[in-house]
Amino acid sequence: MAQSLACLLAHVVFSTKHRQPIITDDVRNELHAYIGSSSIVETVNENSRDVS
């Protein structure tokens, strides 16, 4: 039986509107933790669909 595998890597860049420095220091660490966590991956997986 044939098998097909794929590995998709994505580089995502975030920015604020007009590159305004609106992310304050008291929120920055929590924001970075959220972005680096699996919760974003889970959200993307929930919103993706099987196209096979």
C-alpha atoms as a PDB file:
ATOM      1  CA  MET A   1       0.000   0.000   0.000  1.00  0.00           C
ATOM      2  CA  ALA A   2       1.378   3.418  -0.965  1.00  0.00           C
ATOM      3  CA  GLN A   3       1.815   6.081   1.634  1.00  0.00           C
ATOM      4  CA  SER A   4       1.977   9.850   1.215  1.00  0.00           C
ATOM      5  CA  LEU A   5       3.361  12.076   3.939  1.00  0.00           C
ATOM      6  CA  ALA A   6       3.613  15.847   4.124  1.00  0.00           C
ATOM      7  CA  CYS A   7       5.227  18.233   6.545  1.00  0.00           C
ATOM      8  CA  LEU A   8       4.002  21.816   6.442  1.00  0.00           C
ATOM      9  CA  LEU A   9       5.998  24.484   8.219  1.00  0.00           C
ATOM     10  CA  ALA A  10       4.669  28.013   8.523  1.00  0.00           C
ATOM     11  CA  HIS A  11       6.515  31.166   9.495  1.00  0.00           C
ATOM     12  CA  VAL A  12       4.005  33.662  10.851  1.00  0.00           C
ATOM     13  CA  VAL A  13       4.844  37.308  11.448  1.00  0.00           C
ATOM     14  CA  PHE A  14       2.621  39.459  13.656  1.00  0.00           C
ATOM     15  CA  SER A  15       2.528  43.231  13.725  1.00  0.00           C
ATOM     16  CA  THR A  16       0.347  45.906  15.257  1.00  0.00           C
ATOM     17  CA  LYS A  17      -1.509  48.395  13.094  1.00  0.00           C
ATOM     18  CA  HIS A  18       0.872  51.093  11.858  1.00  0.00           C
ATOM     19  CA  ARG A  19       3.528  49.277  13.942  1.00  0.00           C
ATOM     20  CA  GLN A  20       2.345  51.116  17.056  1.00  0.00           C
ATOM     21  CA  PRO A  21       4.050  49.949  20.285  1.00  0.00           C
ATOM     22  CA  ILE A  22       0.767  49.043  21.997  1.00  0.00           C
ATOM     23  CA  ILE A  23       1.869  45.749  23.588  1.00  0.00           C
ATOM     24  CA  THR A  24       2.831  46.764  27.094  1.00  0.00           C
ATOM     25  CA  ASP A  25       5.481  45.019  29.171  1.00  0.00           C
ATOM     26  CA  ASP A  26       2.916  43.630  31.610  1.00  0.00           C
ATOM     27  CA  VAL A  27       1.136  41.784  28.776  1.00  0.00           C
ATOM     28  CA  ARG A  28       4.156  40.863  26.631  1.00  0.00           C
ATOM     29  CA  ASN A  29       5.239  37.723  28.532  1.00  0.00           C
ATOM     30  CA  GLU A  30       1.726  36.299  28.632  1.00  0.00           C
ATOM     31  CA  LEU A  31       1.257  37.064  24.928  1.00  0.00           C
ATOM     32  CA  HIS A  32       4.526  35.337  24.010  1.00  0.00           C
ATOM     33  CA  ALA A  33       3.557  32.314  26.110  1.00  0.00           C
ATOM     34  CA  TYR A  34       0.201  32.105  24.323  1.00  0.00           C
ATOM     35  CA  ILE A  35       1.758  32.430  20.882  1.00  0.00           C
ATOM     36  CA  GLY A  36       4.328  29.743  21.722  1.00  0.00           C
ATOM     37  CA  SER A  37       1.799  27.358  23.232  1.00  0.00           C
ATOM     38  CA  SER A  38      -0.137  24.615  21.538  1.00  0.00           C
ATOM     39  CA  SER A  39      -3.395  26.552  21.975  1.00  0.00           C
ATOM     40  CA  ILE A  40      -2.799  28.386  18.703  1.00  0.00           C
ATOM     41  CA  VAL A  41      -2.071  25.098  16.951  1.00  0.00           C
ATOM     42  CA  GLU A  42      -5.285  23.639  18.371  1.00  0.00           C
ATOM     43  CA  THR A  43      -7.254  26.678  17.176  1.00  0.00           C
ATOM     44  CA  VAL A  44      -5.804  26.334  13.675  1.00  0.00           C
ATOM     45  CA  ASN A  45      -6.592  22.617  13.649  1.00  0.00           C
ATOM     46  CA  GLU A  46     -10.181  23.312  14.717  1.00  0.00           C
ATOM     47  CA  ASN A  47     -10.603  25.816  11.893  1.00  0.00           C
ATOM     48  CA  SER A  48      -8.945  23.701   9.205  1.00  0.00           C
ATOM     49  CA  ARG A  49     -10.742  21.137   7.116  1.00  0.00           C
ATOM     50  CA  ASP A  50      -9.817  17.844   5.541  1.00  0.00           C
ATOM     51  CA  VAL A  51      -9.419  18.339   1.795  1.00  0.00           C
ATOM     52  CA  SER A  52      -8.602  14.757   0.892  1.00  0.00           C
END
